[in-house]
Protein backbone atom coordinates (compact mmCIF):
# COMPACT_ATOMS: atom_id res chain seq x y z
CA MET A 1 7.26 7.43 13.54
CA GLN A 2 5.00 7.93 10.55
CA ILE A 3 6.33 7.55 7.01
CA LYS A 4 5.04 10.66 5.18
CA ASP A 5 6.89 10.40 1.86
CA PHE A 6 5.81 6.93 0.74
CA LYS A 7 8.46 5.51 -1.62
CA VAL A 8 8.09 2.48 -3.89
CA ASP A 9 10.31 1.02 -6.58
CA LYS A 10 9.39 0.61 -10.23
CA SER A 11 7.35 -2.54 -9.52
CA LEU A 12 5.36 -0.77 -6.74
CA LYS A 13 7.32 -2.67 -4.08
CA GLU A 14 7.62 -0.48 -1.00
CA LEU A 15 11.18 0.63 -0.27
CA THR A 16 10.68 1.21 3.46
CA SER A 17 12.65 -1.20 5.65
CA HIS A 18 10.06 -2.73 7.98
CA ARG A 19 12.15 -3.63 11.00
CA THR A 20 13.45 -2.44 14.35
CA VAL A 21 17.19 -2.61 15.01
CA VAL A 22 17.13 -6.31 15.90
CA LEU A 23 13.75 -7.61 14.72
CA PRO A 24 12.16 -7.93 11.24
CA VAL A 25 9.12 -6.17 12.70
CA ALA A 26 7.95 -2.55 12.43
CA SER A 27 5.05 -0.74 14.05
CA TYR A 28 4.04 2.88 13.59
CA GLU A 29 1.02 5.13 13.81
CA THR A 30 -0.11 6.64 10.52
CA LYS A 31 -2.37 9.60 9.81
CA ILE A 32 -3.33 9.08 6.18
CA ALA A 33 -3.84 12.79 5.43
CA ASP A 34 -0.23 13.57 6.45
CA ASN A 35 1.20 11.50 3.59
CA ILE A 36 2.74 13.58 0.80
CA HIS A 37 0.14 12.18 -1.64
CA GLY A 38 -2.77 12.73 0.76
CA LYS A 39 -3.29 8.95 0.80
CA ILE A 40 -1.27 5.75 0.98
CA PRO A 41 -0.57 4.92 -2.69
CA LEU A 42 -0.76 1.48 -4.25
CA HIS A 43 2.20 -0.69 -3.24
CA TRP A 44 3.21 -4.16 -2.05
CA HIS A 45 5.86 -5.78 0.12
CA GLU A 46 6.98 -9.23 1.22
CA GLU A 47 5.98 -8.59 4.85
CA ILE A 48 2.50 -9.40 6.08
CA GLN A 49 0.70 -6.34 7.42
CA PHE A 50 -1.86 -5.63 10.11
CA ILE A 51 -3.84 -2.39 10.20
CA HIS A 52 -5.73 -1.33 13.32
CA THR A 53 -7.87 1.77 12.77
CA VAL A 54 -7.81 3.73 16.03
CA LYS A 55 -9.60 6.83 14.74
CA GLY A 56 -11.93 7.51 11.81
CA GLU A 57 -12.46 5.26 8.80
CA ALA A 58 -10.25 4.13 5.92
CA MET A 59 -11.05 2.72 2.49
CA VAL A 60 -8.45 0.04 1.91
CA GLN A 61 -7.92 -1.52 -1.51
CA ILE A 62 -6.36 -4.99 -1.60
CA ASN A 63 -5.76 -6.32 -5.10
CA GLU A 64 -9.11 -5.66 -6.83
CA GLU A 65 -11.28 -5.28 -3.72
CA LYS A 66 -12.09 -2.17 -1.71
CA LEU A 67 -13.05 -2.48 1.96
CA LEU A 68 -14.21 0.07 4.51
CA VAL A 69 -12.28 -0.39 7.76
CA LYS A 70 -14.17 1.29 10.58
CA GLU A 71 -12.84 2.78 13.80
CA GLY A 72 -11.85 0.04 16.23
CA ASP A 73 -11.59 -2.63 13.53
CA GLY A 74 -8.62 -3.78 11.48
CA ILE A 75 -7.44 -5.90 8.61
CA PHE A 76 -4.71 -8.44 7.86
CA ILE A 77 -3.04 -7.98 4.44
CA ASN A 78 -1.15 -10.95 3.08
CA SER A 79 2.38 -10.98 1.72
CA GLY A 80 2.83 -9.68 -1.83
CA CYS A 81 -0.68 -8.21 -2.21
CA LEU A 82 -1.14 -4.83 -3.87
CA HIS A 83 -2.81 -2.42 -1.46
CA SER A 84 -3.55 1.26 -0.83
CA ALA A 85 -5.53 3.33 1.69
CA GLU A 86 -7.64 6.50 1.53
CA ASP A 87 -9.06 8.57 4.36
CA VAL A 88 -12.87 8.41 4.38
CA SER A 89 -13.62 10.32 7.58
CA GLY A 90 -11.01 13.08 7.14
CA ASP A 91 -9.19 12.24 10.37
CA CYS A 92 -8.24 8.58 9.96
CA VAL A 93 -5.37 7.28 12.07
CA TYR A 94 -4.27 3.67 12.18
CA ILE A 95 -1.56 1.52 13.71
CA CYS A 96 0.41 -0.40 11.11
CA LEU A 97 2.30 -3.59 12.02
CA ASN A 98 4.60 -5.19 9.42
CA VAL A 99 6.19 -8.56 10.04
CA SER A 100 8.48 -10.77 7.97
CA PRO A 101 6.66 -14.10 7.43
CA HIS A 102 9.85 -15.95 8.39
CA PHE A 103 9.74 -14.40 11.85
CA LEU A 104 6.23 -15.57 12.76
CA LEU A 105 7.17 -19.08 13.90
CA PRO A 106 10.30 -21.21 14.28
CA GLN A 107 11.75 -22.23 10.91
CA GLU A 108 10.81 -25.86 11.54
CA LEU A 109 7.13 -24.85 11.52
CA PHE A 110 7.30 -22.44 8.56
CA SER A 111 6.49 -24.95 5.82
CA SER A 112 3.44 -26.30 7.67
CA TYR A 113 1.95 -23.27 9.38
CA VAL A 114 3.13 -20.17 7.49
CA TYR A 115 4.00 -20.86 3.85
CA PRO A 116 0.61 -22.41 2.91
CA TYR A 117 -1.19 -19.32 4.20
CA ILE A 118 0.99 -16.63 2.63
CA SER A 119 0.81 -18.58 -0.67
CA ALA A 120 -2.97 -19.12 -0.68
CA THR A 121 -4.58 -17.15 -3.50
CA ASN A 122 -7.92 -16.90 -1.66
CA LEU A 123 -6.35 -15.13 1.33
CA PRO A 124 -5.37 -11.60 0.26
CA TYR A 125 -6.87 -10.25 3.49
CA ILE A 126 -8.83 -11.09 6.63
CA ILE A 127 -11.09 -8.56 8.34
CA LEU A 128 -10.42 -8.11 12.08
CA LYS A 129 -13.51 -7.02 14.00
CA HIS A 130 -13.33 -5.88 17.62
CA SER A 131 -16.85 -7.30 18.11
CA GLU A 132 -15.47 -10.85 17.63
CA GLU A 133 -13.35 -12.30 20.41
CA TRP A 134 -10.55 -13.59 18.18
CA GLY A 135 -10.44 -10.33 16.22
CA LYS A 136 -10.36 -8.31 19.45
CA ASN A 137 -7.45 -10.45 20.72
CA ILE A 138 -5.42 -9.73 17.57
CA LEU A 139 -6.20 -5.99 17.66
CA ASN A 140 -5.16 -5.79 21.33
CA SER A 141 -1.94 -7.64 20.53
CA ILE A 142 -1.15 -5.13 17.75
CA ILE A 143 -1.42 -2.30 20.29
CA GLU A 144 0.71 -4.22 22.80
CA ILE A 145 3.47 -4.86 20.22
CA LYS A 146 3.60 -1.17 19.33
CA LYS A 147 3.88 -0.34 23.04
CA LEU A 148 6.68 -2.86 23.54
CA ILE A 149 8.68 -1.48 20.61
CA ASN A 150 8.27 2.10 21.85
CA GLU A 151 9.20 1.31 25.44
CA ASN A 152 12.16 -0.92 24.51
CA SER A 153 12.01 -2.60 27.92
CA PRO A 154 14.13 -5.63 28.90
CA PHE A 155 13.24 -8.82 27.01
CA TYR A 156 10.69 -6.95 24.87
CA GLU A 157 11.81 -8.98 21.82
CA ILE A 158 10.73 -12.23 23.52
CA ASN A 159 7.36 -10.71 24.44
CA ILE A 160 6.82 -9.63 20.83
CA THR A 161 7.57 -13.12 19.48
CA SER A 162 5.06 -14.58 21.95
CA LEU A 163 2.37 -12.14 20.86
CA LEU A 164 3.06 -12.84 17.17
CA THR A 165 2.61 -16.57 17.78
CA VAL A 166 -0.78 -15.89 19.40
CA ILE A 167 -1.80 -13.56 16.54
CA TRP A 168 -0.89 -16.10 13.87
CA GLN A 169 -2.64 -18.95 15.69
CA GLN A 170 -5.81 -16.85 15.96
CA LEU A 171 -5.66 -16.08 12.24
CA ILE A 172 -5.19 -19.62 10.97
CA ARG A 173 -7.89 -20.92 13.30
CA ASN A 174 -10.46 -18.34 12.21
CA GLY A 175 -9.42 -17.53 8.61
CA PHE A 176 -10.65 -19.04 5.37
CA GLN A 177 -10.04 -22.49 3.95
CA LEU A 178 -6.87 -22.59 1.89
CA GLU A 179 -7.04 -22.46 -1.89
CA TYR A 180 -4.32 -22.13 -4.50
CA SER A 181 -4.89 -21.12 -8.11
CA GLN A 182 -2.02 -20.86 -10.58
CA ALA A 183 -4.27 -18.73 -12.81
CA GLU A 184 -4.77 -16.25 -9.95
CA VAL A 185 -1.02 -16.10 -9.33
CA GLU A 186 -0.38 -15.49 -13.03
CA LYS A 187 -2.98 -12.71 -13.13
CA HIS A 188 -1.23 -10.71 -10.43
CA VAL A 189 2.22 -11.37 -11.93
CA ARG A 190 1.01 -9.87 -15.23
CA MET A 191 -0.54 -6.92 -13.41
CA LYS A 192 2.73 -6.16 -11.62
CA GLU A 193 4.62 -6.46 -14.92
CA MET A 194 2.37 -3.84 -16.54
CA LEU A 195 2.63 -1.49 -13.56
CA ASN A 196 6.39 -1.95 -13.51
CA TRP A 197 6.58 -1.03 -17.21
CA ILE A 198 4.48 2.11 -16.66
CA HIS A 199 6.69 3.21 -13.77
CA GLN A 200 9.81 2.78 -15.91
CA HIS A 201 8.45 4.54 -19.01
CA PHE A 202 5.88 7.07 -17.69
CA ALA A 203 7.91 10.05 -18.92
CA GLU A 204 7.93 8.72 -22.49
CA LYS A 205 5.20 8.52 -25.12
CA VAL A 206 3.06 5.57 -23.96
CA SER A 207 0.23 3.78 -25.75
CA LEU A 208 -2.28 1.18 -24.61
CA ALA A 209 -0.51 -1.35 -26.84
CA ASP A 210 2.78 -0.71 -25.02
CA ILE A 211 1.21 -1.42 -21.64
CA ALA A 212 -0.60 -4.53 -22.92
CA LYS A 213 2.61 -5.89 -24.44
CA ALA A 214 4.37 -5.58 -21.07
CA GLY A 215 1.76 -7.91 -19.57
CA ARG A 216 1.73 -10.24 -22.60
CA LEU A 217 -1.95 -9.41 -23.17
CA SER A 218 -4.19 -8.07 -25.90
CA ASN A 219 -5.38 -4.47 -25.59
CA SER A 220 -8.84 -5.56 -24.51
CA GLU A 221 -7.49 -8.02 -21.91
CA CYS A 222 -5.16 -5.33 -20.60
CA CYS A 223 -8.13 -2.99 -20.10
CA ARG A 224 -10.07 -5.78 -18.39
CA TYR A 225 -7.20 -6.41 -15.95
CA PHE A 226 -6.95 -2.74 -14.98
CA LYS A 227 -10.72 -2.37 -14.68
CA LYS A 228 -11.07 -5.47 -12.49
CA ILE A 229 -8.03 -4.97 -10.24
CA LEU A 230 -7.53 -1.19 -10.10
CA LYS A 231 -11.02 0.02 -11.11
CA THR A 232 -9.59 2.30 -13.79
CA THR A 233 -8.25 2.20 -17.35
CA PRO A 234 -4.55 1.74 -18.19
CA ILE A 235 -4.30 5.27 -19.61
CA ASN A 236 -6.07 6.86 -16.63
CA TYR A 237 -3.70 4.99 -14.32
CA LEU A 238 -0.77 6.33 -16.35
CA ILE A 239 -2.10 9.90 -16.08
CA HIS A 240 -2.64 9.54 -12.34
CA TYR A 241 0.89 8.15 -11.88
CA ARG A 242 2.36 11.04 -13.87
CA ILE A 243 0.53 13.49 -11.63
CA GLN A 244 1.80 11.73 -8.50
CA LYS A 245 5.36 11.92 -9.85
CA SER A 246 4.88 15.63 -10.53
CA LEU A 247 4.18 16.43 -6.87
CA THR A 248 7.79 16.13 -5.77
CA LEU A 249 9.04 18.12 -8.77
CA LEU A 250 6.55 20.93 -8.12
CA GLN A 251 7.95 21.32 -4.61
CA GLU A 252 11.36 22.30 -5.99
CA ARG A 253 11.59 26.09 -5.67
CA ASP A 254 13.08 26.71 -9.12
CA SER A 255 10.69 24.44 -11.02
CA ASN A 256 7.92 25.70 -13.28
CA VAL A 257 4.70 24.05 -14.35
CA THR A 258 5.56 23.67 -18.03
CA GLU A 259 8.91 21.99 -17.33
CA VAL A 260 7.33 19.63 -14.82
CA ALA A 261 4.56 18.72 -17.29
CA PHE A 262 7.09 17.60 -19.91
CA LYS A 263 9.33 15.84 -17.38
CA VAL A 264 6.50 13.53 -16.28
CA GLY A 265 5.32 12.71 -19.79
CA PHE A 266 2.63 15.26 -20.67
CA ASN A 267 3.07 16.79 -24.16
CA SER A 268 0.97 19.84 -23.27
CA SER A 269 1.09 22.04 -20.18
CA SER A 270 -2.62 22.89 -20.56
CA TYR A 271 -3.54 19.18 -20.59
CA PHE A 272 -1.35 18.65 -17.52
CA ILE A 273 -3.10 21.52 -15.72
CA GLU A 274 -6.53 20.14 -16.67
CA LYS A 275 -5.77 16.64 -15.40
CA PHE A 276 -3.94 17.90 -12.30
CA ARG A 277 -6.91 20.09 -11.32
CA LYS A 278 -9.30 17.18 -11.78
CA SER A 279 -7.14 14.87 -9.65
CA MET A 280 -5.97 17.29 -6.93
CA ASN A 281 -8.80 19.86 -6.89
CA MET A 282 -6.31 22.67 -7.50
CA THR A 283 -3.93 23.80 -10.22
CA PRO A 284 -0.27 22.74 -10.24
CA LEU A 285 0.75 26.34 -9.52
CA ALA A 286 -1.58 26.54 -6.51
CA TYR A 287 -0.17 23.24 -5.23
CA LYS A 288 3.40 24.54 -5.68
CA LYS A 289 2.67 27.80 -3.84
CA ASN A 290 0.88 25.95 -1.05
CA ARG A 291 3.71 23.44 -0.49
CA ASN A 292 6.39 26.14 -0.64
CA SER A 293 4.57 28.21 1.98
CA LEU A 294 4.41 25.18 4.28
CA GLN A 295 8.14 24.57 3.86
CA SER A 296 9.12 28.19 4.52
CA PRO A 297 10.70 28.85 7.98
């Protein structure tokens, strides 16, 4: 089942529970365009994630890097990394597999064969190519796990744990050398602190200095962080976040554009309309009418 209304908390941590009834594992097929935002917004979670693109192409951002994931290929996204996805081809569909790191191997092996890899600062992602044997093995295992979860056949949980062991062994044999940088860890902690502050205070009057203070940075360093990691400015990110928050409000039948503009932090309805049109390629009123018509019986 696809998650269409992608919910995160104030620190961008995804609120979806990634598990079946008995396993800390979740697998689902996602069509990016069906998400309420038209893309998978920036978020993070403790689970490691595997994406297998089965149709079309996706542009996936992981921390400050953007990567094109082509049809048939995939990507491993490490625990705690900020990531998002946009549809490049217009019809992108991928299988998503989320797994708790503590479920990958027996607890006795966690400190030696799991923790060093989910803590390594040089391993935010690993590209999985179907043209490489080890990558193809992982991609096939992702499909098999999804099938096992859907079929719910006898002993399927044991089969899934076996496949996860194979996947993890393939990754640590073919991934990068481990590195750990306290400076890199601190950088992403500060980034999450600034994003968390924006998500708590977006409806208020916000300045660049406010955002920088949340990350314990100067204004110029704050701008450098946003430019390097998110490829935008702090204020542009704030505006984009306000617009994203407005989407749900606009879908309420008794809402109006001016009220929504002020609720999400804009001090002018005309400025809200201008920025909304630039971001969404339509006016807020057109978006409201379009969504209401789709929801009508």
